[in-house]
Amino acid sequence: MHEIEVRKMKENASQGWVNGFIGVLLFSGSLPATRVAVLGLDPIFVTVARASIAGLLALLALLLFKEKRPRKKQLLPLAIVALGVVVGFPLLSALALQYMTSAHSIVFLGVLPVATAIFGVIRSGEHPRPIFWLFSIAGSLLVIGYAVSQGFTTSPLGDMFMLAAVVLCGLGYAEGARLTKTLGGWQVISWALLLSLPVMLPLVFIFMPASIESVSLSAWSGLAYVSLFSMFIGFIFWYRGLAQGGTATVGQLQLLQPFFGLALAASLIHETVSIGMLAVTMGVILCVIGTKRFGGAG
């Protein structure tokens, strides 16, 4: 019986990495798509519109599958999820992208795995081995070091917005992972979106562009991507992955997100993908493997 349980735990952990990887892949287009969107739309409108579109989809899904309402004690954690990933990260990153390129903003995603892991430890009581933190910090430093070495033009205000966005996003990821164990992955983000909908939906009409026809197709496409994939579908895979494999451990897959994002940014703004980027990507992958190997409690 013990061997069967161990096998099931290993299979569950493997599924967690697969789901987490799909989530990261979908999230990788978020900042480039947001950058494209805010070039033609107000950042606040982008934030409330993406939350409202995803919120309406969430409402439809909850009604279709006749999901039970969250318990009273789950409302505060859901509000924390909403604060982090429905409002905080989308709004602050959209504001930041007024002052910087998507490539520069992606630098800060290197800090996200550490933020998620720290909140995972605080909120979920996870206790990974000390060597886990070594791999985690090393991977983050590789990402940040590579980006800084490229000589990005910095904007202090934009940098502060992105740093705050990453901190709130890490909190939302960790809190959502805790709730996933009792509510389910897609249910967590759906209830968080629904909780935000009464505030977000009216704001759509307040911040709507005066002339819809003047907004470019690319800006609408960027909004569509972040509404469907970044705000809803990606979280279905991501929260399930975090719950299956552990927040601190599977969360390290976020180390790969900057490079997927840079690849997408390169295709959108025609930047060259250098050999240095590929070399650092390999280093980051090794760090992710290390965190997977030593992610268990010490």
Protein backbone atom coordinates (compact mmCIF):
# COMPACT_ATOMS: atom_id res chain seq x y z
CA MET A 1 0.00 0.00 0.00
CA HIS A 2 2.87 2.31 0.87
CA GLU A 3 4.51 1.74 -2.53
CA ILE A 4 1.23 2.54 -4.31
CA GLU A 5 0.92 5.80 -2.38
CA VAL A 6 4.49 6.76 -3.19
CA ARG A 7 3.91 6.00 -6.87
CA LYS A 8 0.76 8.12 -6.89
CA MET A 9 2.62 10.99 -5.22
CA LYS A 10 5.37 10.83 -7.86
CA GLU A 11 2.81 10.73 -10.69
CA ASN A 12 0.96 13.67 -9.15
CA ALA A 13 4.21 15.64 -8.88
CA SER A 14 5.06 14.89 -12.53
CA GLN A 15 1.61 16.03 -13.64
CA GLY A 16 2.20 19.18 -11.60
CA TRP A 17 5.31 19.99 -13.63
CA VAL A 18 3.48 19.42 -16.92
CA ASN A 19 0.55 21.63 -15.91
CA GLY A 20 2.92 24.24 -14.51
CA PHE A 21 4.92 24.30 -17.76
CA ILE A 22 1.77 24.85 -19.85
CA GLY A 23 0.77 27.68 -17.53
CA VAL A 24 4.18 29.34 -17.83
CA LEU A 25 4.11 28.99 -21.61
CA LEU A 26 0.75 30.78 -21.76
CA PHE A 27 1.86 33.46 -19.29
CA SER A 28 5.00 34.17 -21.32
CA GLY A 29 3.04 36.21 -23.83
CA SER A 30 1.48 38.41 -21.15
CA LEU A 31 3.99 41.27 -21.01
CA PRO A 32 4.61 41.50 -24.79
CA ALA A 33 0.83 41.41 -25.36
CA THR A 34 0.25 44.01 -22.64
CA ARG A 35 2.93 46.23 -24.19
CA VAL A 36 1.16 46.03 -27.55
CA ALA A 37 -2.19 46.76 -25.87
CA VAL A 38 -1.06 49.85 -23.90
CA LEU A 39 0.43 51.39 -27.04
CA GLY A 40 -3.14 51.97 -28.17
CA LEU A 41 -5.23 51.70 -25.01
CA ASP A 42 -5.23 53.25 -21.54
CA PRO A 43 -3.48 50.95 -18.98
CA ILE A 44 -6.41 51.16 -16.58
CA PHE A 45 -8.84 50.21 -19.35
CA VAL A 46 -6.62 47.26 -20.29
CA THR A 47 -6.62 46.11 -16.65
CA VAL A 48 -10.38 46.36 -16.05
CA ALA A 49 -11.29 45.05 -19.50
CA ARG A 50 -9.13 41.92 -19.23
CA ALA A 51 -10.54 41.23 -15.76
CA SER A 52 -14.12 41.77 -16.95
CA ILE A 53 -13.83 39.59 -20.05
CA ALA A 54 -12.19 36.80 -18.05
CA GLY A 55 -14.72 37.35 -15.25
CA LEU A 56 -17.66 36.83 -17.59
CA LEU A 57 -16.04 33.63 -18.89
CA ALA A 58 -15.51 32.51 -15.30
CA LEU A 59 -19.16 33.18 -14.45
CA LEU A 60 -20.26 31.12 -17.44
CA ALA A 61 -17.99 28.22 -16.43
CA LEU A 62 -19.13 28.29 -12.79
CA LEU A 63 -22.79 28.24 -13.83
CA LEU A 64 -22.23 25.56 -16.47
CA PHE A 65 -20.55 23.18 -14.03
CA LYS A 66 -22.81 24.18 -11.11
CA GLU A 67 -19.93 24.81 -8.75
CA LYS A 68 -20.65 25.27 -5.06
CA ARG A 69 -20.03 28.69 -3.60
CA PRO A 70 -16.81 29.20 -1.60
CA ARG A 71 -17.09 29.00 2.17
CA LYS A 72 -16.87 32.17 4.25
CA LYS A 73 -13.33 31.44 5.37
CA GLN A 74 -12.25 31.13 1.72
CA LEU A 75 -13.43 34.63 0.77
CA LEU A 76 -10.42 36.46 2.25
CA PRO A 77 -7.88 34.18 0.50
CA LEU A 78 -9.85 34.67 -2.75
CA ALA A 79 -9.67 38.43 -2.23
CA ILE A 80 -5.87 38.10 -1.82
CA VAL A 81 -5.71 36.15 -5.10
CA ALA A 82 -7.79 38.86 -6.79
CA LEU A 83 -5.56 41.59 -5.36
CA GLY A 84 -2.43 39.86 -6.62
CA VAL A 85 -3.27 38.45 -10.05
CA VAL A 86 -6.54 40.08 -11.15
CA VAL A 87 -5.77 43.68 -10.15
CA GLY A 88 -2.21 44.12 -8.84
CA PHE A 89 0.03 42.53 -11.45
CA PRO A 90 -2.07 43.47 -14.51
CA LEU A 91 -2.44 47.12 -13.45
CA LEU A 92 1.10 47.73 -12.22
CA SER A 93 2.72 45.95 -15.18
CA ALA A 94 0.51 47.88 -17.62
CA LEU A 95 1.55 51.15 -15.94
CA ALA A 96 5.20 50.06 -16.05
CA LEU A 97 4.99 49.26 -19.76
CA GLN A 98 4.25 52.90 -20.48
CA TYR A 99 7.84 53.64 -19.45
CA MET A 100 9.75 50.61 -20.71
CA THR A 101 9.85 47.95 -23.39
CA SER A 102 8.39 44.51 -22.78
CA ALA A 103 11.94 43.10 -22.93
CA HIS A 104 13.01 45.30 -20.02
CA SER A 105 9.90 44.45 -18.00
CA ILE A 106 10.58 40.74 -18.48
CA VAL A 107 13.81 41.21 -16.47
CA PHE A 108 11.74 41.41 -13.31
CA LEU A 109 10.09 38.06 -13.92
CA GLY A 110 13.40 36.54 -12.83
CA VAL A 111 12.48 37.58 -9.28
CA LEU A 112 8.99 36.04 -9.46
CA PRO A 113 9.98 32.43 -8.57
CA VAL A 114 11.67 33.63 -5.38
CA ALA A 115 8.65 35.79 -4.47
CA THR A 116 6.30 32.86 -5.07
CA ALA A 117 8.49 30.50 -3.05
CA ILE A 118 8.75 32.91 -0.11
CA PHE A 119 4.99 33.44 0.03
CA GLY A 120 4.55 29.68 -0.40
CA VAL A 121 6.67 29.11 2.70
CA ILE A 122 4.83 31.82 4.66
CA ARG A 123 1.29 30.93 3.60
CA SER A 124 1.52 27.18 2.94
CA GLY A 125 4.09 26.12 5.52
CA GLU A 126 6.35 24.54 2.87
CA HIS A 127 9.94 23.93 3.99
CA PRO A 128 12.22 23.12 1.04
CA ARG A 129 15.85 22.14 1.65
CA PRO A 130 18.45 24.94 1.90
CA ILE A 131 20.01 23.85 -1.42
CA PHE A 132 16.64 24.57 -3.05
CA TRP A 133 17.12 28.26 -2.23
CA LEU A 134 20.62 28.14 -3.68
CA PHE A 135 19.31 26.93 -7.05
CA SER A 136 16.38 29.35 -6.89
CA ILE A 137 18.54 32.41 -6.20
CA ALA A 138 21.16 31.30 -8.74
CA GLY A 139 18.50 30.98 -11.45
CA SER A 140 17.06 34.38 -10.63
CA LEU A 141 20.51 36.00 -10.69
CA LEU A 142 21.24 34.41 -14.07
CA VAL A 143 18.07 35.92 -15.52
CA ILE A 144 18.62 39.36 -14.01
CA GLY A 145 22.35 39.37 -14.73
CA TYR A 146 21.84 38.55 -18.40
CA ALA A 147 19.17 41.24 -18.82
CA VAL A 148 21.27 43.90 -17.09
CA SER A 149 24.30 42.99 -19.21
CA GLN A 150 22.29 43.84 -22.32
CA GLY A 151 22.30 47.49 -21.31
CA PHE A 152 18.58 48.14 -20.95
CA THR A 153 17.58 51.75 -20.51
CA THR A 154 16.05 51.98 -17.08
CA SER A 155 13.08 53.99 -15.86
CA PRO A 156 12.96 54.32 -12.03
CA LEU A 157 9.17 54.75 -11.97
CA GLY A 158 8.62 51.85 -14.36
CA ASP A 159 11.03 49.71 -12.36
CA MET A 160 9.13 50.41 -9.13
CA PHE A 161 5.83 49.52 -10.80
CA MET A 162 7.25 46.21 -12.08
CA LEU A 163 8.86 45.29 -8.76
CA ALA A 164 5.57 45.89 -6.94
CA ALA A 165 3.75 43.92 -9.65
CA VAL A 166 6.04 40.91 -9.17
CA VAL A 167 5.63 40.94 -5.37
CA LEU A 168 1.82 41.00 -5.63
CA CYS A 169 1.89 38.33 -8.32
CA GLY A 170 3.99 36.03 -6.12
CA LEU A 171 1.48 36.49 -3.30
CA GLY A 172 -1.44 35.73 -5.62
CA TYR A 173 0.26 32.62 -7.00
CA ALA A 174 1.03 31.22 -3.55
CA GLU A 175 -2.43 31.97 -2.14
CA GLY A 176 -4.11 30.51 -5.19
CA ALA A 177 -2.09 27.32 -4.86
CA ARG A 178 -3.32 26.89 -1.27
CA LEU A 179 -6.93 27.33 -2.33
CA THR A 180 -6.57 24.98 -5.29
CA LYS A 181 -6.23 22.04 -2.90
CA THR A 182 -9.80 22.61 -1.68
CA LEU A 183 -11.50 24.53 -4.50
CA GLY A 184 -9.75 23.26 -7.63
CA GLY A 185 -7.49 25.13 -10.08
CA TRP A 186 -9.92 26.75 -12.48
CA GLN A 187 -12.40 27.33 -9.67
CA VAL A 188 -9.91 29.48 -7.74
CA ILE A 189 -9.22 31.93 -10.54
CA SER A 190 -12.91 31.87 -11.55
CA TRP A 191 -14.13 32.83 -8.07
CA ALA A 192 -11.40 35.47 -7.75
CA LEU A 193 -12.46 36.97 -11.09
CA LEU A 194 -16.12 36.82 -10.12
CA LEU A 195 -15.34 38.55 -6.83
CA SER A 196 -13.71 41.37 -8.79
CA LEU A 197 -16.37 41.61 -11.51
CA PRO A 198 -18.83 44.01 -9.74
CA VAL A 199 -16.00 46.55 -9.48
CA MET A 200 -14.24 45.90 -12.78
CA LEU A 201 -17.19 45.79 -15.15
CA PRO A 202 -18.53 49.32 -14.45
CA LEU A 203 -14.98 50.68 -14.78
CA VAL A 204 -14.80 49.31 -18.33
CA PHE A 205 -17.44 51.82 -19.43
CA ILE A 206 -15.81 54.65 -17.50
CA PHE A 207 -12.35 54.12 -19.04
CA MET A 208 -13.49 52.95 -22.49
CA PRO A 209 -11.74 54.74 -25.39
CA ALA A 210 -13.67 57.72 -26.75
CA SER A 211 -13.24 56.37 -30.28
CA ILE A 212 -13.06 52.58 -30.61
CA GLU A 213 -12.36 52.85 -34.35
CA SER A 214 -9.12 54.75 -33.70
CA VAL A 215 -7.62 51.86 -31.72
CA SER A 216 -5.38 49.58 -33.78
CA LEU A 217 -6.14 45.91 -34.38
CA SER A 218 -2.86 44.97 -32.69
CA ALA A 219 -3.92 46.73 -29.47
CA TRP A 220 -7.23 44.83 -29.44
CA SER A 221 -5.35 41.59 -30.17
CA GLY A 222 -3.05 42.22 -27.21
CA LEU A 223 -6.08 42.83 -24.99
CA ALA A 224 -7.73 39.65 -26.26
CA TYR A 225 -4.64 37.57 -25.45
CA VAL A 226 -4.23 38.83 -21.90
CA SER A 227 -7.98 38.48 -21.27
CA LEU A 228 -8.30 34.88 -22.45
CA PHE A 229 -4.90 33.27 -21.86
CA SER A 230 -3.13 35.39 -19.25
CA MET A 231 -6.17 36.04 -17.09
CA PHE A 232 -8.10 32.77 -17.29
CA ILE A 233 -6.87 29.75 -19.26
CA GLY A 234 -3.26 30.00 -18.07
CA PHE A 235 -4.32 29.96 -14.42
CA ILE A 236 -6.29 26.75 -14.87
CA PHE A 237 -3.02 24.94 -15.64
CA TRP A 238 -0.82 27.00 -13.33
CA TYR A 239 -2.73 26.66 -10.06
CA ARG A 240 -3.30 22.96 -10.65
CA GLY A 241 0.43 22.50 -11.25
CA LEU A 242 1.36 24.39 -8.08
CA ALA A 243 -1.06 22.33 -6.01
CA GLN A 244 0.15 19.01 -7.47
CA GLY A 245 3.90 19.60 -7.30
CA GLY A 246 4.28 22.20 -4.53
CA THR A 247 4.25 25.98 -4.75
CA ALA A 248 7.94 26.55 -4.02
CA THR A 249 9.09 23.72 -6.31
CA VAL A 250 6.89 23.99 -9.42
CA GLY A 251 7.00 27.77 -9.02
CA GLN A 252 10.62 27.64 -10.22
CA LEU A 253 9.35 26.95 -13.74
CA GLN A 254 8.77 30.69 -13.82
CA LEU A 255 12.55 30.98 -14.33
CA LEU A 256 11.90 29.89 -17.93
CA GLN A 257 9.18 32.49 -18.49
CA PRO A 258 11.54 35.43 -19.17
CA PHE A 259 13.17 33.59 -22.05
CA PHE A 260 9.89 32.51 -23.60
CA GLY A 261 8.75 36.12 -23.19
CA LEU A 262 11.94 37.52 -24.73
CA ALA A 263 11.49 35.20 -27.71
CA LEU A 264 7.96 36.53 -28.20
CA ALA A 265 9.15 40.11 -27.72
CA ALA A 266 11.83 39.50 -30.34
CA SER A 267 9.22 38.35 -32.85
CA LEU A 268 7.03 41.38 -32.10
CA ILE A 269 9.72 44.08 -32.06
CA HIS A 270 12.29 42.25 -34.22
CA GLU A 271 15.02 41.91 -31.61
CA THR A 272 17.85 39.46 -32.25
CA VAL A 273 18.06 36.35 -30.09
CA SER A 274 21.75 36.14 -29.14
CA ILE A 275 23.97 33.16 -28.34
CA GLY A 276 24.34 34.61 -24.84
CA MET A 277 20.60 34.36 -24.32
CA LEU A 278 20.62 30.70 -25.35
CA ALA A 279 23.56 29.96 -23.03
CA VAL A 280 21.87 31.59 -20.05
CA THR A 281 18.65 29.76 -20.89
CA MET A 282 20.50 26.46 -20.55
CA GLY A 283 21.88 27.60 -17.19
CA VAL A 284 18.38 28.48 -16.01
CA ILE A 285 17.06 25.09 -17.12
CA LEU A 286 19.77 23.44 -15.00
CA CYS A 287 18.64 25.53 -12.02
CA VAL A 288 15.03 24.43 -12.58
CA ILE A 289 16.20 20.81 -12.66
CA GLY A 290 18.05 21.44 -9.41
CA THR A 291 14.99 22.91 -7.69
CA LYS A 292 12.94 19.93 -8.89
CA ARG A 293 15.51 17.52 -7.49
CA PHE A 294 15.87 19.21 -4.11
CA GLY A 295 12.40 20.69 -3.71
CA GLY A 296 11.35 18.26 -1.00
CA ALA A 297 11.45 19.13 2.67
CA GLY A 298 14.76 18.76 4.40
